[in-house]
Structures are given as C-alpha cells and as structure tokens.
Amino acid sequence: QAARLDPNYAMAYSNRGNAYFDKRDYDRAIADLNTAIKLNPGAVGAYYDRGIAYGLKGEIDQAIADFNEAIKLDRNNATAFNNRGVAYGMKGELDRALADFDTALKLKPSHVGALTNRANAFLDRREPDRAIADFDQALKLDPKAAYALHDRGVAFYKKRELERAIADYEQLTQLDVQLTTGAKLNGGDLRAQGGFDRGASEGSRAIKVCPAFALAYLAASLYV
C-alpha cells in the first residue's frame, strides 16, 4: 500500500521485498529491492538483503557483489563480512571466507554466526581442532546454539572421539529445536543449510540466520 501511495518511498519497497523474502518468493523480493536501491543507492540493508536472496537462488557472484556494496557503505558491519564469507565459502574459496569471518569477529567478537561459520570452514579444511575451538566459544556465548552443538559433534566424529560426539548429540536432544537439513545448494554431498545473517546494519534490526549456508555442516537458526 505504501509503495502505491508514494512510488518514490524506498523503504516501502525494501520492506515489501523483505515480506516476499520471508515467503521465499526471491524473484519478487529482488525486484522490490532493485527499486529500493535505485531510489536510495545508499540503502545498506537493501544491498544486504538482495545479496542473501541471490545467495538463496544460487547466484553467488551477484550475492558477493551486493555484500561488497554493503561493506563499502558500512565498513564496520560485522554481519556483512560474515555474509560475504558465507558466499565465498559456497564457492569453495575458503581462504577468502576465513578472512571475512576473521574480520567479522574482530568487529564483533560475540558474533555466534561468524564463529560457527568459521568453525565449519575449518572443518572443510580438515582442521577439526580449530573448528572445535570456535564451536566451544560459540556455545559459551550461546549455550542453546543448536547448530554449533550439532556441528561440534560432527567435528568430534571426524576426530573419532565418538564418546564426545555422542555427548553433544545427547545434549542436542534436550533442546527444543528442529534442525533443518538438506542437500548442498550447489550440488554434491548432503549437508545442512544455514548461515546468512539478515539485518540492515549492526544494531538496527534483529539478526536472523536464514537457510542458505552450504559451506559445511551448518543449519538454520535464529539469533536476536
């Protein structure tokens, strides 16, 4: 309604794009976010959300381009670096992914999503000890971070520390959550999905982790 009443109202298009996003209608979301950016080229959140929508469509290079723009507009946005790291991970560019996760954590050491994503990148690099250290820190910050707990169990399993893996999975059964798992977005082995953070800028909106991360054994969760 707001967009019809004032076709130059960029926020209305951005908000409607987010509504389409939540309905998983990514093409319509992108169309509205395109308009929002045209009307307000400085709209960090519109680049940010459009990048996630492109990522969910598997258009990773376009996702990275949007996260680049978001970072240019706000160099202190930890979540933008995290999202770009996720996108690089989806391309298998683990060094770039890790660099972005490192930056996100320098900007916001308590960023549970970036810790979990970096841990999964270490798993892909066959560095389970470093992965476990990050999962430990994520769980210290958020003991109910179900996907960090799940993925730490995977790391223990990879190390053949089966009792510790079982302990994590037993603890997981005590949490009232349902993990969302599925096939890797760009094909390949079965892996859980999750990892992109939703939010216009640090501190301005609640942060959501949306199903999209195909780097390793991560699934969707919600952080507020």
C-alpha atoms as a PDB file:
ATOM      1  CA  GLN A   1       0.000   0.000   0.000  1.00  0.00           C
ATOM      2  CA  ALA A   2       2.791   2.459   0.938  1.00  0.00           C
ATOM      3  CA  ALA A   3       4.631   1.781  -2.329  1.00  0.00           C
ATOM      4  CA  ARG A   4       1.451   2.525  -4.314  1.00  0.00           C
ATOM      5  CA  LEU A   5       0.789   5.733  -2.387  1.00  0.00           C
ATOM      6  CA  ASP A   6       4.347   7.011  -2.822  1.00  0.00           C
ATOM      7  CA  PRO A   7       6.300   5.263  -5.620  1.00  0.00           C
ATOM      8  CA  ASN A   8       9.473   7.110  -4.515  1.00  0.00           C
ATOM      9  CA  TYR A   9       9.362   5.718  -0.971  1.00  0.00           C
ATOM     10  CA  ALA A  10      12.404   3.429  -0.974  1.00  0.00           C
ATOM     11  CA  MET A  11      11.749   1.939   2.456  1.00  0.00           C
ATOM     12  CA  ALA A  12       8.338   0.699   1.367  1.00  0.00           C
ATOM     13  CA  TYR A  13       9.916  -1.292  -1.459  1.00  0.00           C
ATOM     14  CA  SER A  14      12.605  -2.589   0.869  1.00  0.00           C
ATOM     15  CA  ASN A  15      10.034  -3.704   3.430  1.00  0.00           C
ATOM     16  CA  ARG A  16       7.821  -5.326   0.811  1.00  0.00           C
ATOM     17  CA  GLY A  17      10.904  -7.065  -0.562  1.00  0.00           C
ATOM     18  CA  ASN A  18      11.565  -8.463   2.889  1.00  0.00           C
ATOM     19  CA  ALA A  19       7.985  -9.697   3.081  1.00  0.00           C
ATOM     20  CA  TYR A  20       8.428 -11.529  -0.227  1.00  0.00           C
ATOM     21  CA  PHE A  21      11.729 -12.840   1.106  1.00  0.00           C
ATOM     22  CA  ASP A  22      10.009 -14.330   4.135  1.00  0.00           C
ATOM     23  CA  LYS A  23       7.560 -16.028   1.758  1.00  0.00           C
ATOM     24  CA  ARG A  24      10.572 -17.397  -0.164  1.00  0.00           C
ATOM     25  CA  ASP A  25       9.481 -15.507  -3.267  1.00  0.00           C
ATOM     26  CA  TYR A  26      13.028 -14.424  -4.016  1.00  0.00           C
ATOM     27  CA  ASP A  27      12.423 -13.082  -7.517  1.00  0.00           C
ATOM     28  CA  ARG A  28       9.797 -10.627  -6.285  1.00  0.00           C
ATOM     29  CA  ALA A  29      11.991  -9.771  -3.311  1.00  0.00           C
ATOM     30  CA  ILE A  30      14.879  -8.948  -5.654  1.00  0.00           C
ATOM     31  CA  ALA A  31      12.625  -6.862  -7.908  1.00  0.00           C
ATOM     32  CA  ASP A  32      11.488  -4.708  -4.970  1.00  0.00           C
ATOM     33  CA  LEU A  33      14.997  -4.415  -3.585  1.00  0.00           C
ATOM     34  CA  ASN A  34      16.209  -3.337  -7.038  1.00  0.00           C
ATOM     35  CA  THR A  35      13.699  -0.481  -6.889  1.00  0.00           C
ATOM     36  CA  ALA A  36      14.685   0.404  -3.323  1.00  0.00           C
ATOM     37  CA  ILE A  37      18.343   0.646  -4.358  1.00  0.00           C
ATOM     38  CA  LYS A  38      17.501   2.715  -7.432  1.00  0.00           C
ATOM     39  CA  LEU A  39      15.591   5.174  -5.252  1.00  0.00           C
ATOM     40  CA  ASN A  40      18.198   5.157  -2.479  1.00  0.00           C
ATOM     41  CA  PRO A  41      21.649   3.945  -3.593  1.00  0.00           C
ATOM     42  CA  GLY A  42      22.890   4.308  -0.018  1.00  0.00           C
ATOM     43  CA  ALA A  43      20.444   1.755   1.402  1.00  0.00           C
ATOM     44  CA  VAL A  44      22.831  -0.696   3.068  1.00  0.00           C
ATOM     45  CA  GLY A  45      20.041  -3.044   4.102  1.00  0.00           C
ATOM     46  CA  ALA A  46      18.679  -3.353   0.564  1.00  0.00           C
ATOM     47  CA  TYR A  47      22.062  -4.484  -0.795  1.00  0.00           C
ATOM     48  CA  TYR A  48      22.397  -6.741   2.185  1.00  0.00           C
ATOM     49  CA  ASP A  49      19.028  -8.454   1.775  1.00  0.00           C
ATOM     50  CA  ARG A  50      19.287  -8.677  -2.005  1.00  0.00           C
ATOM     51  CA  GLY A  51      22.647 -10.387  -1.576  1.00  0.00           C
ATOM     52  CA  ILE A  52      21.032 -13.029   0.621  1.00  0.00           C
ATOM     53  CA  ALA A  53      18.220 -13.514  -1.892  1.00  0.00           C
ATOM     54  CA  TYR A  54      20.762 -14.021  -4.685  1.00  0.00           C
ATOM     55  CA  GLY A  55      22.628 -16.466  -2.474  1.00  0.00           C
ATOM     56  CA  LEU A  56      19.488 -18.474  -1.867  1.00  0.00           C
ATOM     57  CA  LYS A  57      18.926 -18.597  -5.633  1.00  0.00           C
ATOM     58  CA  GLY A  58      22.460 -19.909  -6.093  1.00  0.00           C
ATOM     59  CA  GLU A  59      23.619 -16.726  -7.851  1.00  0.00           C
ATOM     60  CA  ILE A  60      26.701 -16.437  -5.666  1.00  0.00           C
ATOM     61  CA  ASP A  61      28.710 -13.898  -7.675  1.00  0.00           C
ATOM     62  CA  GLN A  62      25.794 -11.473  -7.583  1.00  0.00           C
ATOM     63  CA  ALA A  63      25.446 -12.094  -3.861  1.00  0.00           C
ATOM     64  CA  ILE A  64      29.116 -11.243  -3.340  1.00  0.00           C
ATOM     65  CA  ALA A  65      28.752  -8.085  -5.429  1.00  0.00           C
ATOM     66  CA  ASP A  66      25.906  -6.914  -3.191  1.00  0.00           C
ATOM     67  CA  PHE A  67      27.812  -7.711   0.002  1.00  0.00           C
ATOM     68  CA  ASN A  68      30.761  -5.762  -1.432  1.00  0.00           C
ATOM     69  CA  GLU A  69      28.493  -2.742  -1.836  1.00  0.00           C
ATOM     70  CA  ALA A  70      27.110  -3.141   1.684  1.00  0.00           C
ATOM     71  CA  ILE A  71      30.667  -3.240   3.060  1.00  0.00           C
ATOM     72  CA  LYS A  72      31.667  -0.139   1.081  1.00  0.00           C
ATOM     73  CA  LEU A  73      28.755   1.690   2.668  1.00  0.00           C
ATOM     74  CA  ASP A  74      29.419   0.382   6.182  1.00  0.00           C
ATOM     75  CA  ARG A  75      32.937  -0.915   6.865  1.00  0.00           C
ATOM     76  CA  ASN A  76      32.067  -1.690  10.481  1.00  0.00           C
ATOM     77  CA  ASN A  77      29.189  -4.053   9.750  1.00  0.00           C
ATOM     78  CA  ALA A  78      30.301  -7.430  11.081  1.00  0.00           C
ATOM     79  CA  THR A  79      27.315  -9.231   9.616  1.00  0.00           C
ATOM     80  CA  ALA A  80      28.053  -8.015   6.083  1.00  0.00           C
ATOM     81  CA  PHE A  81      31.537  -9.522   6.337  1.00  0.00           C
ATOM     82  CA  ASN A  82      30.038 -12.725   7.714  1.00  0.00           C
ATOM     83  CA  ASN A  83      27.601 -12.936   4.801  1.00  0.00           C
ATOM     84  CA  ARG A  84      30.313 -12.361   2.222  1.00  0.00           C
ATOM     85  CA  GLY A  85      32.358 -15.052   3.927  1.00  0.00           C
ATOM     86  CA  VAL A  86      29.414 -17.418   3.605  1.00  0.00           C
ATOM     87  CA  ALA A  87      29.176 -16.648  -0.117  1.00  0.00           C
ATOM     88  CA  TYR A  88      32.914 -17.208  -0.642  1.00  0.00           C
ATOM     89  CA  GLY A  89      32.573 -20.488   1.230  1.00  0.00           C
ATOM     90  CA  MET A  90      29.769 -21.546  -1.090  1.00  0.00           C
ATOM     91  CA  LYS A  91      32.229 -21.047  -3.976  1.00  0.00           C
ATOM     92  CA  GLY A  92      34.871 -23.110  -2.179  1.00  0.00           C
ATOM     93  CA  GLU A  93      37.106 -20.051  -1.679  1.00  0.00           C
ATOM     94  CA  LEU A  94      37.932 -20.940   1.915  1.00  0.00           C
ATOM     95  CA  ASP A  95      40.839 -18.526   2.408  1.00  0.00           C
ATOM     96  CA  ARG A  96      38.635 -15.582   1.456  1.00  0.00           C
ATOM     97  CA  ALA A  97      35.812 -16.939   3.570  1.00  0.00           C
ATOM     98  CA  LEU A  98      38.060 -17.273   6.609  1.00  0.00           C
ATOM     99  CA  ALA A  99      39.435 -13.750   6.126  1.00  0.00           C
ATOM    100  CA  ASP A 100      35.900 -12.356   6.168  1.00  0.00           C
ATOM    101  CA  PHE A 101      34.896 -14.386   9.223  1.00  0.00           C
ATOM    102  CA  ASP A 102      38.047 -13.132  10.974  1.00  0.00           C
ATOM    103  CA  THR A 103      37.091  -9.541  10.171  1.00  0.00           C
ATOM    104  CA  ALA A 104      33.534 -10.082  11.365  1.00  0.00           C
ATOM    105  CA  LEU A 105      34.840 -11.409  14.664  1.00  0.00           C
ATOM    106  CA  LYS A 106      37.288  -8.531  15.094  1.00  0.00           C
ATOM    107  CA  LEU A 107      34.369  -6.153  14.680  1.00  0.00           C
ATOM    108  CA  LYS A 108      32.048  -8.207  16.881  1.00  0.00           C
ATOM    109  CA  PRO A 109      33.737 -10.949  18.931  1.00  0.00           C
ATOM    110  CA  SER A 110      30.350 -12.167  20.182  1.00  0.00           C
ATOM    111  CA  HIS A 111      29.037 -12.915  16.681  1.00  0.00           C
ATOM    112  CA  VAL A 112      27.881 -16.519  17.154  1.00  0.00           C
ATOM    113  CA  GLY A 113      27.070 -16.969  13.468  1.00  0.00           C
ATOM    114  CA  ALA A 114      30.556 -15.921  12.350  1.00  0.00           C
ATOM    115  CA  LEU A 115      32.145 -18.237  14.924  1.00  0.00           C
ATOM    116  CA  THR A 116      30.038 -21.156  13.726  1.00  0.00           C
ATOM    117  CA  ASN A 117      30.669 -20.368  10.073  1.00  0.00           C
ATOM    118  CA  ARG A 118      34.425 -20.061  10.648  1.00  0.00           C
ATOM    119  CA  ALA A 119      34.389 -23.362  12.515  1.00  0.00           C
ATOM    120  CA  ASN A 120      32.714 -25.040   9.562  1.00  0.00           C
ATOM    121  CA  ALA A 121      35.285 -23.544   7.201  1.00  0.00           C
ATOM    122  CA  PHE A 122      37.974 -25.118   9.386  1.00  0.00           C
ATOM    123  CA  LEU A 123      36.110 -28.417   9.099  1.00  0.00           C
ATOM    124  CA  ASP A 124      36.199 -28.126   5.321  1.00  0.00           C
ATOM    125  CA  ARG A 125      39.950 -27.504   5.588  1.00  0.00           C
ATOM    126  CA  ARG A 126      40.256 -30.649   7.709  1.00  0.00           C
ATOM    127  CA  GLU A 127      41.268 -28.701  10.796  1.00  0.00           C
ATOM    128  CA  PRO A 128      38.855 -30.144  13.359  1.00  0.00           C
ATOM    129  CA  ASP A 129      40.766 -28.852  16.400  1.00  0.00           C
ATOM    130  CA  ARG A 130      40.441 -25.244  15.257  1.00  0.00           C
ATOM    131  CA  ALA A 131      36.803 -25.893  14.400  1.00  0.00           C
ATOM    132  CA  ILE A 132      36.115 -27.266  17.868  1.00  0.00           C
ATOM    133  CA  ALA A 133      37.728 -24.219  19.489  1.00  0.00           C
ATOM    134  CA  ASP A 134      35.323 -21.939  17.603  1.00  0.00           C
ATOM    135  CA  PHE A 135      32.324 -24.144  18.375  1.00  0.00           C
ATOM    136  CA  ASP A 136      33.322 -24.072  22.049  1.00  0.00           C
ATOM    137  CA  GLN A 137      33.393 -20.265  22.004  1.00  0.00           C
ATOM    138  CA  ALA A 138      30.060 -20.078  20.176  1.00  0.00           C
ATOM    139  CA  LEU A 139      28.461 -22.348  22.760  1.00  0.00           C
ATOM    140  CA  LYS A 140      29.986 -20.352  25.596  1.00  0.00           C
ATOM    141  CA  LEU A 141      28.282 -17.265  24.175  1.00  0.00           C
ATOM    142  CA  ASP A 142      25.025 -19.100  23.437  1.00  0.00           C
ATOM    143  CA  PRO A 143      24.639 -22.477  25.154  1.00  0.00           C
ATOM    144  CA  LYS A 144      21.438 -23.074  23.156  1.00  0.00           C
ATOM    145  CA  ALA A 145      23.109 -22.612  19.771  1.00  0.00           C
ATOM    146  CA  ALA A 146      21.825 -25.945  18.490  1.00  0.00           C
ATOM    147  CA  TYR A 147      23.685 -25.905  15.209  1.00  0.00           C
ATOM    148  CA  ALA A 148      27.020 -25.173  16.842  1.00  0.00           C
ATOM    149  CA  LEU A 149      26.357 -28.109  19.149  1.00  0.00           C
ATOM    150  CA  HIS A 150      25.385 -30.341  16.231  1.00  0.00           C
ATOM    151  CA  ASP A 151      28.408 -29.351  14.189  1.00  0.00           C
ATOM    152  CA  ARG A 152      30.812 -29.750  17.100  1.00  0.00           C
ATOM    153  CA  GLY A 153      29.545 -33.314  17.298  1.00  0.00           C
ATOM    154  CA  VAL A 154      30.471 -33.688  13.636  1.00  0.00           C
ATOM    155  CA  ALA A 155      33.965 -32.392  14.403  1.00  0.00           C
ATOM    156  CA  PHE A 156      34.364 -34.851  17.261  1.00  0.00           C
ATOM    157  CA  TYR A 157      33.173 -37.624  14.970  1.00  0.00           C
ATOM    158  CA  LYS A 158      35.758 -36.655  12.358  1.00  0.00           C
ATOM    159  CA  LYS A 159      38.414 -36.958  15.062  1.00  0.00           C
ATOM    160  CA  ARG A 160      36.959 -40.365  16.010  1.00  0.00           C
ATOM    161  CA  GLU A 161      36.232 -39.020  19.508  1.00  0.00           C
ATOM    162  CA  LEU A 162      32.965 -40.883  19.482  1.00  0.00           C
ATOM    163  CA  GLU A 163      32.032 -40.507  23.141  1.00  0.00           C
ATOM    164  CA  ARG A 164      32.311 -36.715  22.891  1.00  0.00           C
ATOM    165  CA  ALA A 165      30.301 -36.742  19.669  1.00  0.00           C
ATOM    166  CA  ILE A 166      27.582 -38.817  21.325  1.00  0.00           C
ATOM    167  CA  ALA A 167      27.542 -36.462  24.317  1.00  0.00           C
ATOM    168  CA  ASP A 168      26.903 -33.479  22.030  1.00  0.00           C
ATOM    169  CA  TYR A 169      24.080 -35.264  20.234  1.00  0.00           C
ATOM    170  CA  GLU A 170      22.546 -36.366  23.502  1.00  0.00           C
ATOM    171  CA  GLN A 171      22.657 -32.771  24.707  1.00  0.00           C
ATOM    172  CA  LEU A 172      21.097 -31.715  21.421  1.00  0.00           C
ATOM    173  CA  THR A 173      18.088 -33.920  22.071  1.00  0.00           C
ATOM    174  CA  GLN A 174      17.420 -31.896  25.233  1.00  0.00           C
ATOM    175  CA  LEU A 175      16.987 -28.692  23.243  1.00  0.00           C
ATOM    176  CA  ASP A 176      13.516 -27.920  21.908  1.00  0.00           C
ATOM    177  CA  VAL A 177      14.643 -27.324  18.322  1.00  0.00           C
ATOM    178  CA  GLN A 178      14.259 -28.943  14.942  1.00  0.00           C
ATOM    179  CA  LEU A 179      17.326 -28.836  12.738  1.00  0.00           C
ATOM    180  CA  THR A 180      16.701 -28.033   9.089  1.00  0.00           C
ATOM    181  CA  THR A 181      18.890 -30.192   6.897  1.00  0.00           C
ATOM    182  CA  GLY A 182      19.037 -30.725   3.168  1.00  0.00           C
ATOM    183  CA  ALA A 183      21.190 -31.094   0.115  1.00  0.00           C
ATOM    184  CA  LYS A 184      24.049 -28.760  -0.605  1.00  0.00           C
ATOM    185  CA  LEU A 185      22.671 -25.834  -2.587  1.00  0.00           C
ATOM    186  CA  ASN A 186      25.117 -26.188  -5.463  1.00  0.00           C
ATOM    187  CA  GLY A 187      25.047 -29.981  -5.557  1.00  0.00           C
ATOM    188  CA  GLY A 188      27.376 -32.512  -4.004  1.00  0.00           C
ATOM    189  CA  ASP A 189      27.166 -34.320  -0.712  1.00  0.00           C
ATOM    190  CA  LEU A 190      24.279 -33.894   1.706  1.00  0.00           C
ATOM    191  CA  ARG A 191      24.919 -31.033   4.043  1.00  0.00           C
ATOM    192  CA  ALA A 192      22.828 -28.831   6.245  1.00  0.00           C
ATOM    193  CA  GLN A 193      21.851 -25.363   5.132  1.00  0.00           C
ATOM    194  CA  GLY A 194      22.036 -22.107   7.007  1.00  0.00           C
ATOM    195  CA  GLY A 195      24.395 -19.245   7.748  1.00  0.00           C
ATOM    196  CA  PHE A 196      23.405 -15.969   6.082  1.00  0.00           C
ATOM    197  CA  ASP A 197      22.508 -13.248   8.578  1.00  0.00           C
ATOM    198  CA  ARG A 198      19.537 -10.963   7.950  1.00  0.00           C
ATOM    199  CA  GLY A 199      19.645  -7.362   9.185  1.00  0.00           C
ATOM    200  CA  ALA A 200      20.051  -3.932   7.626  1.00  0.00           C
ATOM    201  CA  SER A 201      23.051  -2.933   9.730  1.00  0.00           C
ATOM    202  CA  GLU A 202      24.618  -3.757  13.060  1.00  0.00           C
ATOM    203  CA  GLY A 203      22.313  -2.798  15.899  1.00  0.00           C
ATOM    204  CA  SER A 204      19.495  -1.531  13.715  1.00  0.00           C
ATOM    205  CA  ARG A 205      17.409  -4.696  13.416  1.00  0.00           C
ATOM    206  CA  ALA A 206      17.263  -8.171  14.847  1.00  0.00           C
ATOM    207  CA  ILE A 207      19.653 -10.571  13.134  1.00  0.00           C
ATOM    208  CA  LYS A 208      18.311 -13.744  11.581  1.00  0.00           C
ATOM    209  CA  VAL A 209      20.312 -16.641  10.257  1.00  0.00           C
ATOM    210  CA  CYS A 210      18.478 -17.799   7.150  1.00  0.00           C
ATOM    211  CA  PRO A 211      18.766 -21.198   5.449  1.00  0.00           C
ATOM    212  CA  ALA A 212      21.439 -20.771   2.787  1.00  0.00           C
ATOM    213  CA  PHE A 213      24.880 -21.696   4.039  1.00  0.00           C
ATOM    214  CA  ALA A 214      26.289 -24.621   2.062  1.00  0.00           C
ATOM    215  CA  LEU A 215      29.895 -24.439   3.234  1.00  0.00           C
ATOM    216  CA  ALA A 216      29.761 -27.264   5.766  1.00  0.00           C
ATOM    217  CA  TYR A 217      27.562 -28.890   8.375  1.00  0.00           C
ATOM    218  CA  LEU A 218      25.595 -25.817   9.375  1.00  0.00           C
ATOM    219  CA  ALA A 219      21.841 -25.369   9.513  1.00  0.00           C
ATOM    220  CA  ALA A 220      19.404 -22.535  10.075  1.00  0.00           C
ATOM    221  CA  SER A 221      18.916 -20.894  13.434  1.00  0.00           C
ATOM    222  CA  LEU A 222      17.647 -17.612  14.829  1.00  0.00           C
ATOM    223  CA  TYR A 223      19.641 -15.059  16.754  1.00  0.00           C
ATOM    224  CA  VAL A 224      18.053 -11.925  18.205  1.00  0.00           C
END
